[in-house]
Amino acid sequence: MAFTQDKESKAIEEDLVRKFQGGDLEAFDKLAQIYQKKIYGLSFNLTRNQMDAQDVAQDVLLTIYRKIHTFQGKSAFSSWVYRVTLNATYMKLRSKKKEPKISIEDMLPSFNSSGYQQEKIQDWSENTESLLFSNETKSVIKKAVDQLPEKEKVVFMLRDVEGLSTEKVGEILDLTIPAVKSRLHRARLFLRKKLSGYFEEFHTRRKSK
């Protein structure tokens, strides 16, 4: 569930933030109702663990309650909530033992001295509408995304999963637009190479039926 907003909902939210900063606890309850599921969804996409995501959601709401006075309105409130959520999620992940990440450099396509890609990789992303409804396929994609290095993974999650604009992702992560585009491109190349073998096998199975 993305943190997207129209002008009306943004205005309502800004009013709630001002009221909460003024001591209106009912305004906090309304903000919590707006963001609780969104915070949980983003954290779950990064942790893949329901209990961890629930813990993060509680921690984030508590942080918002305690530190609302630190929000100065220089960026959108949703961007601030994103940053708090990401920080809490990273703390949760780092508190647990994780499997070593695959080097993204090892998984990116290689190019020859002339600048041409040395190996042909099927672009499965353009013809997967029916595949996306397969539980098996969803599981394979999730496992591949989980292997992304942290910097590329968070950009991929915010841009391609949450559906945020490149500018919004840059604001949240304090990155330039070229940096966001570079990390997103690397993440997509990683996933394309990681998943190409699966989709080639999938299409072969379908043709043989």
Protein backbone atom coordinates (compact mmCIF):
# COMPACT_ATOMS: atom_id res chain seq x y z
CA MET A 1 0.00 0.00 0.00
CA ALA A 2 1.73 3.16 -1.19
CA PHE A 3 2.04 6.52 0.53
CA THR A 4 0.46 8.35 -2.41
CA GLN A 5 -1.77 11.37 -1.82
CA ASP A 6 -4.01 13.75 -3.67
CA LYS A 7 -4.12 17.46 -2.81
CA GLU A 8 -7.23 17.14 -0.63
CA SER A 9 -5.90 14.29 1.51
CA LYS A 10 -2.54 16.08 1.83
CA ALA A 11 -4.28 19.21 3.10
CA ILE A 12 -6.28 17.17 5.62
CA GLU A 13 -3.10 15.46 6.77
CA GLU A 14 -1.24 18.75 7.18
CA ASP A 15 -4.10 20.04 9.32
CA LEU A 16 -3.96 16.89 11.49
CA VAL A 17 -0.20 17.30 11.93
CA ARG A 18 -0.60 20.91 13.05
CA LYS A 19 -3.32 19.92 15.51
CA PHE A 20 -1.26 17.05 16.89
CA GLN A 21 1.77 19.29 17.32
CA GLY A 22 -0.55 21.57 19.26
CA GLY A 23 -1.44 18.76 21.65
CA ASP A 24 -4.58 17.31 20.03
CA LEU A 25 -4.33 13.57 20.72
CA GLU A 26 -7.40 12.82 18.61
CA ALA A 27 -5.44 14.13 15.63
CA PHE A 28 -2.69 11.59 16.39
CA ASP A 29 -5.25 8.78 16.46
CA LYS A 30 -6.42 9.81 12.99
CA LEU A 31 -2.86 9.96 11.67
CA ALA A 32 -2.22 6.51 13.13
CA GLN A 33 -5.29 5.16 11.33
CA ILE A 34 -4.03 6.63 8.04
CA TYR A 35 -0.49 5.29 8.33
CA GLN A 36 -0.54 2.09 10.38
CA LYS A 37 -1.23 -0.27 7.46
CA LYS A 38 1.12 1.64 5.16
CA ILE A 39 3.97 1.44 7.68
CA TYR A 40 3.35 -2.26 8.22
CA GLY A 41 3.23 -2.93 4.47
CA LEU A 42 6.53 -1.20 3.73
CA SER A 43 8.28 -2.88 6.66
CA PHE A 44 6.90 -6.31 5.73
CA ASN A 45 8.15 -5.92 2.16
CA LEU A 46 11.64 -5.40 3.57
CA THR A 47 11.63 -7.90 6.46
CA ARG A 48 9.32 -10.62 5.05
CA ASN A 49 8.29 -11.29 8.64
CA GLN A 50 4.85 -10.47 10.08
CA MET A 51 5.99 -10.20 13.68
CA ASP A 52 8.93 -7.98 12.77
CA ALA A 53 6.71 -5.73 10.66
CA GLN A 54 4.20 -5.47 13.51
CA ASP A 55 7.00 -4.52 15.91
CA VAL A 56 8.26 -1.90 13.46
CA ALA A 57 4.77 -0.44 13.00
CA GLN A 58 4.38 -0.05 16.77
CA ASP A 59 7.86 1.47 17.10
CA VAL A 60 7.22 3.94 14.28
CA LEU A 61 3.89 5.10 15.69
CA LEU A 62 5.53 5.54 19.09
CA THR A 63 8.36 7.54 17.49
CA ILE A 64 5.85 9.76 15.68
CA TYR A 65 4.01 10.31 18.96
CA ARG A 66 7.18 11.18 20.88
CA LYS A 67 9.01 13.15 18.19
CA ILE A 68 6.30 14.98 16.27
CA HIS A 69 7.85 18.23 17.53
CA THR A 70 10.96 17.47 15.46
CA PHE A 71 8.97 17.50 12.22
CA GLN A 72 9.46 20.97 10.77
CA GLY A 73 7.51 20.60 7.56
CA LYS A 74 10.52 21.08 5.27
CA SER A 75 9.45 17.93 3.43
CA ALA A 76 6.10 16.14 3.20
CA PHE A 77 4.92 14.41 6.38
CA SER A 78 4.69 11.16 4.41
CA SER A 79 8.40 11.45 3.53
CA TRP A 80 9.23 11.87 7.20
CA VAL A 81 7.14 8.81 8.09
CA TYR A 82 8.93 6.86 5.35
CA ARG A 83 12.33 7.75 6.81
CA VAL A 84 11.27 6.81 10.32
CA THR A 85 9.87 3.51 9.00
CA LEU A 86 13.02 2.69 7.04
CA ASN A 87 15.26 3.48 10.03
CA ALA A 88 13.17 1.29 12.34
CA THR A 89 13.11 -1.53 9.79
CA TYR A 90 16.88 -1.43 9.29
CA MET A 91 17.39 -1.55 13.06
CA LYS A 92 15.16 -4.61 13.23
CA LEU A 93 17.03 -6.33 10.39
CA ARG A 94 20.43 -5.56 11.87
CA SER A 95 19.40 -6.97 15.23
CA LYS A 96 18.91 -10.37 13.59
CA LYS A 97 21.43 -12.59 11.90
CA LYS A 98 21.06 -12.34 8.15
CA GLU A 99 22.37 -14.53 5.36
CA PRO A 100 25.25 -12.91 3.44
CA LYS A 101 24.05 -10.82 0.51
CA ILE A 102 25.02 -11.73 -3.03
CA SER A 103 27.35 -9.15 -4.58
CA ILE A 104 25.32 -7.12 -7.05
CA GLU A 105 28.46 -6.65 -9.15
CA ASP A 106 28.64 -10.42 -9.67
CA MET A 107 25.04 -10.54 -10.85
CA LEU A 108 24.98 -7.55 -13.20
CA PRO A 109 25.29 -8.26 -16.94
CA SER A 110 28.86 -8.03 -18.25
CA PHE A 111 29.90 -5.93 -21.23
CA ASN A 112 32.79 -6.30 -23.69
CA SER A 113 35.32 -3.62 -24.66
CA SER A 114 32.95 -2.30 -27.34
CA GLY A 115 30.20 -1.74 -24.82
CA TYR A 116 27.98 -4.62 -25.94
CA GLN A 117 26.39 -6.99 -23.45
CA GLN A 118 28.27 -10.27 -23.54
CA GLU A 119 25.37 -12.51 -22.62
CA LYS A 120 21.79 -12.43 -23.82
CA ILE A 121 19.31 -12.12 -20.99
CA GLN A 122 15.61 -12.59 -21.61
CA ASP A 123 13.55 -9.52 -20.69
CA TRP A 124 10.86 -11.43 -18.79
CA SER A 125 9.39 -8.20 -17.38
CA GLU A 126 7.38 -7.42 -20.52
CA ASN A 127 5.35 -10.65 -20.71
CA THR A 128 4.56 -11.68 -17.15
CA GLU A 129 0.95 -10.58 -16.72
CA SER A 130 -0.34 -14.15 -16.34
CA LEU A 131 2.72 -15.23 -14.37
CA LEU A 132 2.17 -12.62 -11.69
CA PHE A 133 -0.92 -14.49 -10.52
CA SER A 134 1.13 -17.62 -9.86
CA ASN A 135 2.05 -18.20 -6.22
CA GLU A 136 5.19 -20.00 -7.35
CA THR A 137 6.25 -17.01 -9.44
CA LYS A 138 5.52 -14.53 -6.66
CA SER A 139 7.66 -16.58 -4.30
CA VAL A 140 10.55 -16.71 -6.78
CA ILE A 141 10.40 -12.94 -7.36
CA LYS A 142 10.27 -12.20 -3.62
CA LYS A 143 13.33 -14.36 -3.00
CA ALA A 144 15.22 -12.55 -5.74
CA VAL A 145 14.24 -9.13 -4.37
CA ASP A 146 15.36 -10.20 -0.91
CA GLN A 147 18.85 -10.84 -2.29
CA LEU A 148 19.26 -7.27 -3.48
CA PRO A 149 21.83 -5.26 -1.51
CA GLU A 150 20.21 -2.83 0.91
CA LYS A 151 20.86 0.37 -1.09
CA GLU A 152 19.40 -1.01 -4.30
CA LYS A 153 16.60 -2.88 -2.56
CA VAL A 154 15.13 0.14 -0.79
CA VAL A 155 15.13 2.20 -4.00
CA PHE A 156 13.46 -0.68 -5.88
CA MET A 157 10.83 -1.09 -3.14
CA LEU A 158 10.00 2.61 -2.98
CA ARG A 159 10.01 3.20 -6.73
CA ASP A 160 8.66 0.00 -8.26
CA VAL A 161 6.65 -1.54 -5.41
CA GLU A 162 5.33 1.53 -3.59
CA GLY A 163 5.01 3.40 -6.88
CA LEU A 164 6.64 6.62 -5.74
CA SER A 165 8.16 9.10 -8.15
CA THR A 166 11.91 9.31 -8.62
CA GLU A 167 11.82 12.77 -7.04
CA LYS A 168 9.94 11.50 -3.97
CA VAL A 169 12.38 8.61 -3.49
CA GLY A 170 15.27 11.06 -3.69
CA GLU A 171 13.65 13.28 -1.07
CA ILE A 172 13.08 10.36 1.30
CA LEU A 173 16.57 8.91 0.96
CA ASP A 174 18.37 12.24 0.54
CA LEU A 175 19.71 11.18 -2.86
CA THR A 176 20.06 13.04 -6.13
CA ILE A 177 17.75 12.00 -8.96
CA PRO A 178 20.69 10.51 -10.95
CA ALA A 179 21.67 8.46 -7.88
CA VAL A 180 18.11 7.11 -7.54
CA LYS A 181 17.99 6.23 -11.24
CA SER A 182 21.39 4.53 -11.06
CA ARG A 183 20.44 2.35 -8.08
CA LEU A 184 17.07 1.50 -9.63
CA HIS A 185 18.73 0.54 -12.91
CA ARG A 186 21.22 -1.70 -11.10
CA ALA A 187 18.41 -3.33 -9.12
CA ARG A 188 16.39 -4.03 -12.27
CA LEU A 189 19.42 -5.49 -14.06
CA PHE A 190 20.17 -7.68 -11.05
CA LEU A 191 16.61 -8.99 -10.96
CA ARG A 192 16.44 -9.47 -14.72
CA LYS A 193 19.55 -11.64 -14.67
CA LYS A 194 18.57 -13.43 -11.45
CA LEU A 195 15.13 -14.33 -12.77
CA SER A 196 15.81 -14.92 -16.46
CA GLY A 197 16.61 -18.61 -15.98
CA TYR A 198 13.37 -19.21 -14.09
CA PHE A 199 11.21 -17.59 -16.75
CA GLU A 200 13.00 -19.38 -19.58
CA GLU A 201 12.28 -22.68 -17.81
CA PHE A 202 8.68 -21.60 -17.16
CA HIS A 203 8.04 -20.85 -20.84
CA THR A 204 9.68 -24.14 -21.83
CA ARG A 205 7.35 -26.03 -19.48
CA ARG A 206 4.32 -24.25 -20.92
CA LYS A 207 5.32 -25.00 -24.52
CA SER A 208 5.86 -28.69 -23.74
CA LYS A 209 2.31 -29.12 -22.41
